[in-house]
Amino acid sequence: ITVKSSNKDPVTAAGEEGDNPPKEEPWETTLKTTVVNVEAGEFRGHKVSLWELLHSRYIPEENRKELLELYGAGELTLEQVKTVVTTIVSRAAAAERAEPAAPVDGARAQPAAP
């Protein structure tokens, strides 16, 4: 019984630590509260958090993971992350604009039409 009790105690302690569900790193909070104005794509005219930009369709998953890792490890400053993310989003949105819009719109309209 004593063994079981001592086994339960660490589990309870671990469970209590896990009861802080967000378990958010301070750097994550910083990314979520740092708002930027990106005049590109769907973000034009809106202030948006770096976190939202990082998780937008403009940032490839590999890039997002790498940026989050480097920032979380303290290898990138907030200013560097802001610069990289806004640059990627701006370039991706510009490239999107440069492509002919008709096929994209047509592809969306065709399934909806029938």
PDB file of N, CA and C in Angstrom:
ATOM      1  N   ILE A   1       0.844  -1.205   0.000  1.00  0.00           N
ATOM      2  CA  ILE A   1       0.000   0.000   0.000  1.00  0.00           C
ATOM      3  C   ILE A   1       0.870   1.242   0.000  1.00  0.00           C
ATOM      4  N   THR A   2       1.925   1.250   0.784  1.00  0.00           N
ATOM      5  CA  THR A   2       2.825   2.397   0.822  1.00  0.00           C
ATOM      6  C   THR A   2       3.435   2.635  -0.555  1.00  0.00           C
ATOM      7  N   VAL A   3       3.823   1.548  -1.228  1.00  0.00           N
ATOM      8  CA  VAL A   3       4.406   1.675  -2.558  1.00  0.00           C
ATOM      9  C   VAL A   3       3.404   2.314  -3.508  1.00  0.00           C
ATOM     10  N   LYS A   4       2.153   1.844  -3.438  1.00  0.00           N
ATOM     11  CA  LYS A   4       1.124   2.406  -4.310  1.00  0.00           C
ATOM     12  C   LYS A   4       0.920   3.884  -4.011  1.00  0.00           C
ATOM     13  N   SER A   5       0.911   4.239  -2.754  1.00  0.00           N
ATOM     14  CA  SER A   5       0.716   5.644  -2.385  1.00  0.00           C
ATOM     15  C   SER A   5       1.847   6.497  -2.938  1.00  0.00           C
ATOM     16  N   SER A   6       3.083   6.019  -2.778  1.00  0.00           N
ATOM     17  CA  SER A   6       4.195   6.826  -3.277  1.00  0.00           C
ATOM     18  C   SER A   6       4.159   6.893  -4.799  1.00  0.00           C
ATOM     19  N   ASN A   7       3.629   5.843  -5.442  1.00  0.00           N
ATOM     20  CA  ASN A   7       3.479   5.894  -6.893  1.00  0.00           C
ATOM     21  C   ASN A   7       2.408   6.902  -7.289  1.00  0.00           C
ATOM     22  N   LYS A   8       1.358   6.984  -6.501  1.00  0.00           N
ATOM     23  CA  LYS A   8       0.266   7.899  -6.822  1.00  0.00           C
ATOM     24  C   LYS A   8       0.685   9.349  -6.624  1.00  0.00           C
ATOM     25  N   ASP A   9       1.496   9.609  -5.630  1.00  0.00           N
ATOM     26  CA  ASP A   9       1.893  10.987  -5.356  1.00  0.00           C
ATOM     27  C   ASP A   9       2.567  11.655  -6.548  1.00  0.00           C
ATOM     28  N   PRO A  10       3.601  11.032  -7.151  1.00  0.00           N
ATOM     29  CA  PRO A  10       4.220  11.687  -8.311  1.00  0.00           C
ATOM     30  C   PRO A  10       3.224  11.860  -9.466  1.00  0.00           C
ATOM     31  N   VAL A  11       2.348  10.886  -9.631  1.00  0.00           N
ATOM     32  CA  VAL A  11       1.363  10.984 -10.706  1.00  0.00           C
ATOM     33  C   VAL A  11       0.454  12.176 -10.440  1.00  0.00           C
ATOM     34  N   THR A  12       0.017  12.309  -9.182  1.00  0.00           N
ATOM     35  CA  THR A  12      -0.842  13.442  -8.819  1.00  0.00           C
ATOM     36  C   THR A  12      -0.095  14.746  -9.039  1.00  0.00           C
ATOM     37  N   ALA A  13       1.169  14.771  -8.609  1.00  0.00           N
ATOM     38  CA  ALA A  13       1.965  15.988  -8.778  1.00  0.00           C
ATOM     39  C   ALA A  13       2.110  16.297 -10.263  1.00  0.00           C
ATOM     40  N   ALA A  14       2.390  15.270 -11.060  1.00  0.00           N
ATOM     41  CA  ALA A  14       2.541  15.485 -12.498  1.00  0.00           C
ATOM     42  C   ALA A  14       1.216  15.940 -13.094  1.00  0.00           C
ATOM     43  N   GLY A  15       0.115  15.330 -12.612  1.00  0.00           N
ATOM     44  CA  GLY A  15      -1.203  15.709 -13.099  1.00  0.00           C
ATOM     45  C   GLY A  15      -1.507  17.161 -12.777  1.00  0.00           C
ATOM     46  N   GLU A  16      -1.098  17.604 -11.598  1.00  0.00           N
ATOM     47  CA  GLU A  16      -1.342  18.985 -11.206  1.00  0.00           C
ATOM     48  C   GLU A  16      -0.554  19.934 -12.112  1.00  0.00           C
ATOM     49  N   GLU A  17       0.670  19.556 -12.427  1.00  0.00           N
ATOM     50  CA  GLU A  17       1.457  20.385 -13.342  1.00  0.00           C
ATOM     51  C   GLU A  17       0.774  20.448 -14.708  1.00  0.00           C
ATOM     52  N   GLY A  18       0.205  19.320 -15.123  1.00  0.00           N
ATOM     53  CA  GLY A  18      -0.455  19.247 -16.409  1.00  0.00           C
ATOM     54  C   GLY A  18      -1.807  19.944 -16.409  1.00  0.00           C
ATOM     55  N   ASP A  19      -2.276  20.355 -15.239  1.00  0.00           N
ATOM     56  CA  ASP A  19      -3.570  21.030 -15.152  1.00  0.00           C
ATOM     57  C   ASP A  19      -3.523  22.468 -15.639  1.00  0.00           C
ATOM     58  N   ASN A  20      -2.349  22.949 -16.012  1.00  0.00           N
ATOM     59  CA  ASN A  20      -2.252  24.271 -16.624  1.00  0.00           C
ATOM     60  C   ASN A  20      -2.319  24.047 -18.121  1.00  0.00           C
ATOM     61  N   PRO A  21      -3.504  23.782 -18.652  1.00  0.00           N
ATOM     62  CA  PRO A  21      -3.634  23.316 -20.030  1.00  0.00           C
ATOM     63  C   PRO A  21      -2.899  24.140 -21.073  1.00  0.00           C
ATOM     64  N   PRO A  22      -2.989  25.478 -21.059  1.00  0.00           N
ATOM     65  CA  PRO A  22      -2.287  26.170 -22.135  1.00  0.00           C
ATOM     66  C   PRO A  22      -0.809  25.824 -22.175  1.00  0.00           C
ATOM     67  N   LYS A  23      -0.187  25.652 -21.004  1.00  0.00           N
ATOM     68  CA  LYS A  23       1.225  25.273 -20.932  1.00  0.00           C
ATOM     69  C   LYS A  23       2.015  26.020 -22.002  1.00  0.00           C
ATOM     70  N   GLU A  24       1.692  27.297 -22.139  1.00  0.00           N
ATOM     71  CA  GLU A  24       2.253  28.122 -23.196  1.00  0.00           C
ATOM     72  C   GLU A  24       3.620  28.668 -22.793  1.00  0.00           C
ATOM     73  N   GLU A  25       4.551  28.539 -23.694  1.00  0.00           N
ATOM     74  CA  GLU A  25       5.876  29.100 -23.469  1.00  0.00           C
ATOM     75  C   GLU A  25       5.778  30.622 -23.539  1.00  0.00           C
ATOM     76  N   PRO A  26       6.606  31.325 -22.775  1.00  0.00           N
ATOM     77  CA  PRO A  26       6.564  32.801 -22.835  1.00  0.00           C
ATOM     78  C   PRO A  26       6.785  33.329 -24.247  1.00  0.00           C
ATOM     79  N   TRP A  27       7.637  32.668 -25.018  1.00  0.00           N
ATOM     80  CA  TRP A  27       7.890  33.142 -26.388  1.00  0.00           C
ATOM     81  C   TRP A  27       6.670  32.951 -27.277  1.00  0.00           C
ATOM     82  N   GLU A  28       5.842  31.924 -26.988  1.00  0.00           N
ATOM     83  CA  GLU A  28       4.605  31.741 -27.747  1.00  0.00           C
ATOM     84  C   GLU A  28       3.652  32.895 -27.464  1.00  0.00           C
ATOM     85  N   THR A  29       3.549  33.242 -26.186  1.00  0.00           N
ATOM     86  CA  THR A  29       2.688  34.363 -25.784  1.00  0.00           C
ATOM     87  C   THR A  29       3.139  35.636 -26.480  1.00  0.00           C
ATOM     88  N   THR A  30       4.450  35.847 -26.543  1.00  0.00           N
ATOM     89  CA  THR A  30       4.987  37.037 -27.205  1.00  0.00           C
ATOM     90  C   THR A  30       4.579  37.060 -28.672  1.00  0.00           C
ATOM     91  N   LEU A  31       4.685  35.919 -29.351  1.00  0.00           N
ATOM     92  CA  LEU A  31       4.311  35.859 -30.767  1.00  0.00           C
ATOM     93  C   LEU A  31       2.810  36.112 -30.953  1.00  0.00           C
ATOM     94  N   LYS A  32       2.013  35.656 -29.990  1.00  0.00           N
ATOM     95  CA  LYS A  32       0.556  35.830 -30.097  1.00  0.00           C
ATOM     96  C   LYS A  32       0.125  37.256 -29.787  1.00  0.00           C
ATOM     97  N   THR A  33       0.933  37.971 -29.005  1.00  0.00           N
ATOM     98  CA  THR A  33       0.548  39.330 -28.615  1.00  0.00           C
ATOM     99  C   THR A  33       1.264  40.409 -29.421  1.00  0.00           C
ATOM    100  N   THR A  34       2.251  40.019 -30.223  1.00  0.00           N
ATOM    101  CA  THR A  34       2.957  40.988 -31.057  1.00  0.00           C
ATOM    102  C   THR A  34       2.195  41.136 -32.367  1.00  0.00           C
ATOM    103  N   VAL A  35       1.646  42.327 -32.565  1.00  0.00           N
ATOM    104  CA  VAL A  35       0.792  42.571 -33.723  1.00  0.00           C
ATOM    105  C   VAL A  35       1.549  43.390 -34.761  1.00  0.00           C
ATOM    106  N   VAL A  36       1.411  42.973 -36.009  1.00  0.00           N
ATOM    107  CA  VAL A  36       2.065  43.686 -37.111  1.00  0.00           C
ATOM    108  C   VAL A  36       1.030  44.036 -38.168  1.00  0.00           C
ATOM    109  N   ASN A  37       1.395  44.956 -39.012  1.00  0.00           N
ATOM    110  CA  ASN A  37       0.526  45.359 -40.111  1.00  0.00           C
ATOM    111  C   ASN A  37       1.202  44.926 -41.405  1.00  0.00           C
ATOM    112  N   VAL A  38       0.644  43.922 -42.062  1.00  0.00           N
ATOM    113  CA  VAL A  38       1.213  43.410 -43.301  1.00  0.00           C
ATOM    114  C   VAL A  38       0.266  43.791 -44.430  1.00  0.00           C
ATOM    115  N   GLU A  39       0.768  44.586 -45.340  1.00  0.00           N
ATOM    116  CA  GLU A  39      -0.079  45.011 -46.463  1.00  0.00           C
ATOM    117  C   GLU A  39       0.030  44.006 -47.601  1.00  0.00           C
ATOM    118  N   ALA A  40      -0.386  42.773 -47.328  1.00  0.00           N
ATOM    119  CA  ALA A  40      -0.292  41.728 -48.343  1.00  0.00           C
ATOM    120  C   ALA A  40      -1.422  40.728 -48.171  1.00  0.00           C
ATOM    121  N   GLY A  41      -1.898  40.247 -49.297  1.00  0.00           N
ATOM    122  CA  GLY A  41      -2.894  39.183 -49.299  1.00  0.00           C
ATOM    123  C   GLY A  41      -4.098  39.488 -48.439  1.00  0.00           C
ATOM    124  N   GLU A  42      -4.573  38.447 -47.774  1.00  0.00           N
ATOM    125  CA  GLU A  42      -5.788  38.565 -46.963  1.00  0.00           C
ATOM    126  C   GLU A  42      -5.580  39.422 -45.718  1.00  0.00           C
ATOM    127  N   PHE A  43      -4.331  39.756 -45.400  1.00  0.00           N
ATOM    128  CA  PHE A  43      -4.044  40.548 -44.200  1.00  0.00           C
ATOM    129  C   PHE A  43      -4.029  42.050 -44.467  1.00  0.00           C
ATOM    130  N   ARG A  44      -4.147  42.434 -45.724  1.00  0.00           N
ATOM    131  CA  ARG A  44      -4.110  43.855 -46.098  1.00  0.00           C
ATOM    132  C   ARG A  44      -5.139  44.640 -45.299  1.00  0.00           C
ATOM    133  N   GLY A  45      -4.655  45.710 -44.654  1.00  0.00           N
ATOM    134  CA  GLY A  45      -5.554  46.581 -43.908  1.00  0.00           C
ATOM    135  C   GLY A  45      -5.911  46.075 -42.521  1.00  0.00           C
ATOM    136  N   HIS A  46      -5.331  44.949 -42.108  1.00  0.00           N
ATOM    137  CA  HIS A  46      -5.624  44.393 -40.785  1.00  0.00           C
ATOM    138  C   HIS A  46      -4.346  44.276 -39.984  1.00  0.00           C
ATOM    139  N   LYS A  47      -4.466  44.462 -38.690  1.00  0.00           N
ATOM    140  CA  LYS A  47      -3.339  44.163 -37.813  1.00  0.00           C
ATOM    141  C   LYS A  47      -3.484  42.696 -37.427  1.00  0.00           C
ATOM    142  N   VAL A  48      -2.377  41.986 -37.471  1.00  0.00           N
ATOM    143  CA  VAL A  48      -2.431  40.545 -37.235  1.00  0.00           C
ATOM    144  C   VAL A  48      -1.229  40.129 -36.378  1.00  0.00           C
ATOM    145  N   SER A  49      -1.416  39.109 -35.537  1.00  0.00           N
ATOM    146  CA  SER A  49      -0.324  38.666 -34.669  1.00  0.00           C
ATOM    147  C   SER A  49       0.705  37.871 -35.478  1.00  0.00           C
ATOM    148  N   LEU A  50       1.928  37.885 -34.989  1.00  0.00           N
ATOM    149  CA  LEU A  50       2.975  37.096 -35.646  1.00  0.00           C
ATOM    150  C   LEU A  50       2.593  35.621 -35.634  1.00  0.00           C
ATOM    151  N   TRP A  51       1.953  35.187 -34.554  1.00  0.00           N
ATOM    152  CA  TRP A  51       1.528  33.791 -34.435  1.00  0.00           C
ATOM    153  C   TRP A  51       0.567  33.443 -35.571  1.00  0.00           C
ATOM    154  N   GLU A  52      -0.380  34.337 -35.823  1.00  0.00           N
ATOM    155  CA  GLU A  52      -1.361  34.121 -36.886  1.00  0.00           C
ATOM    156  C   GLU A  52      -0.669  34.076 -38.248  1.00  0.00           C
ATOM    157  N   LEU A  53       0.279  34.982 -38.451  1.00  0.00           N
ATOM    158  CA  LEU A  53       1.026  34.985 -39.719  1.00  0.00           C
ATOM    159  C   LEU A  53       1.811  33.690 -39.889  1.00  0.00           C
ATOM    160  N   LEU A  54       2.460  33.265 -38.803  1.00  0.00           N
ATOM    161  CA  LEU A  54       3.252  32.031 -38.868  1.00  0.00           C
ATOM    162  C   LEU A  54       2.386  30.827 -39.243  1.00  0.00           C
ATOM    163  N   HIS A  55       1.146  30.845 -38.814  1.00  0.00           N
ATOM    164  CA  HIS A  55       0.260  29.715 -39.072  1.00  0.00           C
ATOM    165  C   HIS A  55      -0.664  29.952 -40.269  1.00  0.00           C
ATOM    166  N   SER A  56      -0.349  30.973 -41.051  1.00  0.00           N
ATOM    167  CA  SER A  56      -1.150  31.243 -42.243  1.00  0.00           C
ATOM    168  C   SER A  56      -0.682  30.339 -43.382  1.00  0.00           C
ATOM    169  N   ARG A  57      -1.479  30.307 -44.440  1.00  0.00           N
ATOM    170  CA  ARG A  57      -1.146  29.458 -45.597  1.00  0.00           C
ATOM    171  C   ARG A  57       0.097  29.949 -46.325  1.00  0.00           C
ATOM    172  N   TYR A  58       0.551  31.160 -46.020  1.00  0.00           N
ATOM    173  CA  TYR A  58       1.713  31.723 -46.709  1.00  0.00           C
ATOM    174  C   TYR A  58       3.041  31.160 -46.204  1.00  0.00           C
ATOM    175  N   ILE A  59       3.038  30.615 -44.998  1.00  0.00           N
ATOM    176  CA  ILE A  59       4.285  30.108 -44.411  1.00  0.00           C
ATOM    177  C   ILE A  59       4.283  28.583 -44.498  1.00  0.00           C
ATOM    178  N   PRO A  60       5.203  28.016 -45.289  1.00  0.00           N
ATOM    179  CA  PRO A  60       5.290  26.551 -45.368  1.00  0.00           C
ATOM    180  C   PRO A  60       5.599  25.949 -43.993  1.00  0.00           C
ATOM    181  N   GLU A  61       5.072  24.767 -43.745  1.00  0.00           N
ATOM    182  CA  GLU A  61       5.210  24.130 -42.430  1.00  0.00           C
ATOM    183  C   GLU A  61       6.671  24.010 -41.987  1.00  0.00           C
ATOM    184  N   GLU A  62       7.563  23.639 -42.927  1.00  0.00           N
ATOM    185  CA  GLU A  62       8.974  23.478 -42.557  1.00  0.00           C
ATOM    186  C   GLU A  62       9.536  24.809 -42.055  1.00  0.00           C
ATOM    187  N   ASN A  63       9.195  25.886 -42.755  1.00  0.00           N
ATOM    188  CA  ASN A  63       9.680  27.216 -42.352  1.00  0.00           C
ATOM    189  C   ASN A  63       9.142  27.587 -40.981  1.00  0.00           C
ATOM    190  N   ARG A  64       7.844  27.321 -40.776  1.00  0.00           N
ATOM    191  CA  ARG A  64       7.214  27.655 -39.494  1.00  0.00           C
ATOM    192  C   ARG A  64       7.922  26.927 -38.353  1.00  0.00           C
ATOM    193  N   LYS A  65       8.126  25.600 -38.531  1.00  0.00           N
ATOM    194  CA  LYS A  65       8.774  24.801 -37.491  1.00  0.00           C
ATOM    195  C   LYS A  65      10.171  25.334 -37.193  1.00  0.00           C
ATOM    196  N   GLU A  66      10.911  25.636 -38.249  1.00  0.00           N
ATOM    197  CA  GLU A  66      12.278  26.132 -38.082  1.00  0.00           C
ATOM    198  C   GLU A  66      12.290  27.476 -37.353  1.00  0.00           C
ATOM    199  N   LEU A  67      11.419  28.385 -37.762  1.00  0.00           N
ATOM    200  CA  LEU A  67      11.356  29.698 -37.117  1.00  0.00           C
ATOM    201  C   LEU A  67      10.967  29.576 -35.650  1.00  0.00           C
ATOM    202  N   LEU A  68       9.978  28.741 -35.358  1.00  0.00           N
ATOM    203  CA  LEU A  68       9.540  28.566 -33.970  1.00  0.00           C
ATOM    204  C   LEU A  68      10.648  27.947 -33.123  1.00  0.00           C
ATOM    205  N   GLU A  69      11.348  26.982 -33.699  1.00  0.00           N
ATOM    206  CA  GLU A  69      12.472  26.356 -32.983  1.00  0.00           C
ATOM    207  C   GLU A  69      13.553  27.371 -32.672  1.00  0.00           C
ATOM    208  N   LEU A  70      13.972  28.115 -33.698  1.00  0.00           N
ATOM    209  CA  LEU A  70      15.052  29.086 -33.521  1.00  0.00           C
ATOM    210  C   LEU A  70      14.662  30.194 -32.548  1.00  0.00           C
ATOM    211  N   TYR A  71      13.426  30.663 -32.651  1.00  0.00           N
ATOM    212  CA  TYR A  71      12.969  31.728 -31.754  1.00  0.00           C
ATOM    213  C   TYR A  71      12.838  31.195 -30.325  1.00  0.00           C
ATOM    214  N   GLY A  72      12.260  30.006 -30.202  1.00  0.00           N
ATOM    215  CA  GLY A  72      12.099  29.383 -28.879  1.00  0.00           C
ATOM    216  C   GLY A  72      13.435  29.120 -28.202  1.00  0.00           C
ATOM    217  N   ALA A  73      14.450  28.826 -28.999  1.00  0.00           N
ATOM    218  CA  ALA A  73      15.786  28.552 -28.455  1.00  0.00           C
ATOM    219  C   ALA A  73      16.574  29.838 -28.196  1.00  0.00           C
ATOM    220  N   GLY A  74      15.995  30.970 -28.583  1.00  0.00           N
ATOM    221  CA  GLY A  74      16.669  32.248 -28.364  1.00  0.00           C
ATOM    222  C   GLY A  74      17.694  32.584 -29.431  1.00  0.00           C
ATOM    223  N   GLU A  75      17.682  31.842 -30.546  1.00  0.00           N
ATOM    224  CA  GLU A  75      18.648  32.102 -31.616  1.00  0.00           C
ATOM    225  C   GLU A  75      18.187  33.214 -32.552  1.00  0.00           C
ATOM    226  N   LEU A  76      16.884  33.508 -32.526  1.00  0.00           N
ATOM    227  CA  LEU A  76      16.339  34.622 -33.309  1.00  0.00           C
ATOM    228  C   LEU A  76      15.676  35.599 -32.350  1.00  0.00           C
ATOM    229  N   THR A  77      15.810  36.883 -32.619  1.00  0.00           N
ATOM    230  CA  THR A  77      15.124  37.884 -31.809  1.00  0.00           C
ATOM    231  C   THR A  77      13.704  38.049 -32.350  1.00  0.00           C
ATOM    232  N   LEU A  78      12.854  38.673 -31.569  1.00  0.00           N
ATOM    233  CA  LEU A  78      11.488  38.938 -32.001  1.00  0.00           C
ATOM    234  C   LEU A  78      11.505  39.775 -33.282  1.00  0.00           C
ATOM    235  N   GLU A  79      12.407  40.745 -33.332  1.00  0.00           N
ATOM    236  CA  GLU A  79      12.507  41.615 -34.511  1.00  0.00           C
ATOM    237  C   GLU A  79      12.885  40.806 -35.752  1.00  0.00           C
ATOM    238  N   GLN A  80      13.793  39.839 -35.582  1.00  0.00           N
ATOM    239  CA  GLN A  80      14.192  38.997 -36.717  1.00  0.00           C
ATOM    240  C   GLN A  80      13.031  38.134 -37.195  1.00  0.00           C
ATOM    241  N   VAL A  81      12.295  37.571 -36.255  1.00  0.00           N
ATOM    242  CA  VAL A  81      11.138  36.747 -36.619  1.00  0.00           C
ATOM    243  C   VAL A  81      10.119  37.606 -37.359  1.00  0.00           C
ATOM    244  N   LYS A  82       9.884  38.806 -36.842  1.00  0.00           N
ATOM    245  CA  LYS A  82       8.923  39.725 -37.466  1.00  0.00           C
ATOM    246  C   LYS A  82       9.339  40.016 -38.907  1.00  0.00           C
ATOM    247  N   THR A  83      10.616  40.303 -39.117  1.00  0.00           N
ATOM    248  CA  THR A  83      11.130  40.613 -40.454  1.00  0.00           C
ATOM    249  C   THR A  83      10.975  39.421 -41.392  1.00  0.00           C
ATOM    250  N   VAL A  84      11.387  38.250 -40.941  1.00  0.00           N
ATOM    251  CA  VAL A  84      11.329  37.057 -41.788  1.00  0.00           C
ATOM    252  C   VAL A  84       9.881  36.713 -42.143  1.00  0.00           C
ATOM    253  N   VAL A  85       9.013  36.700 -41.147  1.00  0.00           N
ATOM    254  CA  VAL A  85       7.617  36.317 -41.369  1.00  0.00           C
ATOM    255  C   VAL A  85       6.913  37.307 -42.298  1.00  0.00           C
ATOM    256  N   THR A  86       7.079  38.594 -42.050  1.00  0.00           N
ATOM    257  CA  THR A  86       6.402  39.574 -42.906  1.00  0.00           C
ATOM    258  C   THR A  86       6.956  39.530 -44.331  1.00  0.00           C
ATOM    259  N   THR A  87       8.256  39.265 -44.466  1.00  0.00           N
ATOM    260  CA  THR A  87       8.855  39.157 -45.800  1.00  0.00           C
ATOM    261  C   THR A  87       8.290  37.952 -46.545  1.00  0.00           C
ATOM    262  N   ILE A  88       8.231  36.802 -45.878  1.00  0.00           N
ATOM    263  CA  ILE A  88       7.708  35.588 -46.522  1.00  0.00           C
ATOM    264  C   ILE A  88       6.255  35.807 -46.942  1.00  0.00           C
ATOM    265  N   VAL A  89       5.444  36.354 -46.037  1.00  0.00           N
ATOM    266  CA  VAL A  89       4.028  36.572 -46.344  1.00  0.00           C
ATOM    267  C   VAL A  89       3.880  37.551 -47.508  1.00  0.00           C
ATOM    268  N   SER A  90       4.644  38.640 -47.475  1.00  0.00           N
ATOM    269  CA  SER A  90       4.557  39.637 -48.552  1.00  0.00           C
ATOM    270  C   SER A  90       4.950  39.038 -49.899  1.00  0.00           C
ATOM    271  N   ARG A  91       6.042  38.275 -49.916  1.00  0.00           N
ATOM    272  CA  ARG A  91       6.496  37.664 -51.172  1.00  0.00           C
ATOM    273  C   ARG A  91       5.515  36.623 -51.679  1.00  0.00           C
ATOM    274  N   ALA A  92       4.992  35.803 -50.764  1.00  0.00           N
ATOM    275  CA  ALA A  92       4.043  34.756 -51.160  1.00  0.00           C
ATOM    276  C   ALA A  92       2.767  35.382 -51.713  1.00  0.00           C
ATOM    277  N   ALA A  93       2.304  36.438 -51.062  1.00  0.00           N
ATOM    278  CA  ALA A  93       1.087  37.113 -51.526  1.00  0.00           C
ATOM    279  C   ALA A  93       1.329  37.781 -52.879  1.00  0.00           C
ATOM    280  N   ALA A  94       2.520  38.367 -53.060  1.00  0.00           N
ATOM    281  CA  ALA A  94       2.857  39.008 -54.334  1.00  0.00           C
ATOM    282  C   ALA A  94       2.937  37.958 -55.442  1.00  0.00           C
ATOM    283  N   ALA A  95       3.522  36.815 -55.150  1.00  0.00           N
ATOM    284  CA  ALA A  95       3.635  35.742 -56.144  1.00  0.00           C
ATOM    285  C   ALA A  95       2.244  35.237 -56.518  1.00  0.00           C
ATOM    286  N   GLU A  96       1.378  35.164 -55.530  1.00  0.00           N
ATOM    287  CA  GLU A  96       0.008  34.728 -55.752  1.00  0.00           C
ATOM    288  C   GLU A  96      -0.711  35.704 -56.688  1.00  0.00           C
ATOM    289  N   ARG A  97      -0.480  36.994 -56.456  1.00  0.00           N
ATOM    290  CA  ARG A  97      -1.101  38.039 -57.258  1.00  0.00           C
ATOM    291  C   ARG A  97      -0.578  38.002 -58.689  1.00  0.00           C
ATOM    292  N   ALA A  98       0.694  37.640 -58.847  1.00  0.00           N
ATOM    293  CA  ALA A  98       1.327  37.631 -60.170  1.00  0.00           C
ATOM    294  C   ALA A  98       0.793  36.494 -61.039  1.00  0.00           C
ATOM    295  N   GLU A  99       0.319  35.417 -60.405  1.00  0.00           N
ATOM    296  CA  GLU A  99      -0.229  34.297 -61.163  1.00  0.00           C
ATOM    297  C   GLU A  99      -1.599  34.689 -61.699  1.00  0.00           C
ATOM    298  N   PRO A 100      -1.979  34.122 -62.845  1.00  0.00           N
ATOM    299  CA  PRO A 100      -3.311  34.435 -63.388  1.00  0.00           C
ATOM    300  C   PRO A 100      -4.390  34.032 -62.390  1.00  0.00           C
ATOM    301  N   ALA A 101      -5.263  34.943 -62.089  1.00  0.00           N
ATOM    302  CA  ALA A 101      -6.300  34.696 -61.095  1.00  0.00           C
ATOM    303  C   ALA A 101      -7.441  33.855 -61.641  1.00  0.00           C
ATOM    304  N   ALA A 102      -7.677  33.905 -62.934  1.00  0.00           N
ATOM    305  CA  ALA A 102      -8.830  33.220 -63.526  1.00  0.00           C
ATOM    306  C   ALA A 102      -8.893  31.725 -63.205  1.00  0.00           C
ATOM    307  N   PRO A 103      -7.797  30.957 -63.388  1.00  0.00           N
ATOM    308  CA  PRO A 103      -7.917  29.523 -63.101  1.00  0.00           C
ATOM    309  C   PRO A 103      -8.287  29.249 -61.647  1.00  0.00           C
ATOM    310  N   VAL A 104      -7.748  30.035 -60.726  1.00  0.00           N
ATOM    311  CA  VAL A 104      -8.058  29.817 -59.317  1.00  0.00           C
ATOM    312  C   VAL A 104      -9.536  30.098 -59.079  1.00  0.00           C
ATOM    313  N   ASP A 105     -10.012  31.242 -59.572  1.00  0.00           N
ATOM    314  CA  ASP A 105     -11.422  31.592 -59.409  1.00  0.00           C
ATOM    315  C   ASP A 105     -12.308  30.597 -60.149  1.00  0.00           C
ATOM    316  N   GLY A 106     -11.882  30.201 -61.350  1.00  0.00           N
ATOM    317  CA  GLY A 106     -12.645  29.245 -62.143  1.00  0.00           C
ATOM    318  C   GLY A 106     -12.748  27.908 -61.434  1.00  0.00           C
ATOM    319  N   ALA A 107     -11.660  27.467 -60.831  1.00  0.00           N
ATOM    320  CA  ALA A 107     -11.654  26.190 -60.137  1.00  0.00           C
ATOM    321  C   ALA A 107     -12.621  26.228 -58.962  1.00  0.00           C
ATOM    322  N   ARG A 108     -12.705  27.369 -58.300  1.00  0.00           N
ATOM    323  CA  ARG A 108     -13.620  27.491 -57.172  1.00  0.00           C
ATOM    324  C   ARG A 108     -15.062  27.541 -57.656  1.00  0.00           C
ATOM    325  N   ALA A 109     -15.297  28.229 -58.757  1.00  0.00           N
ATOM    326  CA  ALA A 109     -16.652  28.446 -59.247  1.00  0.00           C
ATOM    327  C   ALA A 109     -17.230  27.173 -59.868  1.00  0.00           C
ATOM    328  N   GLN A 110     -16.411  26.386 -60.549  1.00  0.00           N
ATOM    329  CA  GLN A 110     -16.927  25.217 -61.249  1.00  0.00           C
ATOM    330  C   GLN A 110     -17.641  24.238 -60.317  1.00  0.00           C
ATOM    331  N   PRO A 111     -17.022  23.801 -59.204  1.00  0.00           N
ATOM    332  CA  PRO A 111     -17.732  22.846 -58.352  1.00  0.00           C
ATOM    333  C   PRO A 111     -19.008  23.431 -57.762  1.00  0.00           C
ATOM    334  N   ALA A 112     -19.024  24.737 -57.520  1.00  0.00           N
ATOM    335  CA  ALA A 112     -20.192  25.357 -56.912  1.00  0.00           C
ATOM    336  C   ALA A 112     -21.328  25.521 -57.913  1.00  0.00           C
ATOM    337  N   ALA A 113     -21.014  25.667 -59.216  1.00  0.00           N
ATOM    338  CA  ALA A 113     -22.024  25.961 -60.227  1.00  0.00           C
ATOM    339  C   ALA A 113     -23.046  24.838 -60.431  1.00  0.00           C
ATOM    340  N   PRO A 114     -22.623  23.553 -60.560  1.00  0.00           N
ATOM    341  CA  PRO A 114     -23.618  22.503 -60.833  1.00  0.00           C
ATOM    342  C   PRO A 114     -24.521  22.183 -59.692  1.00  0.00           C
TER     343      PRO A 114
END
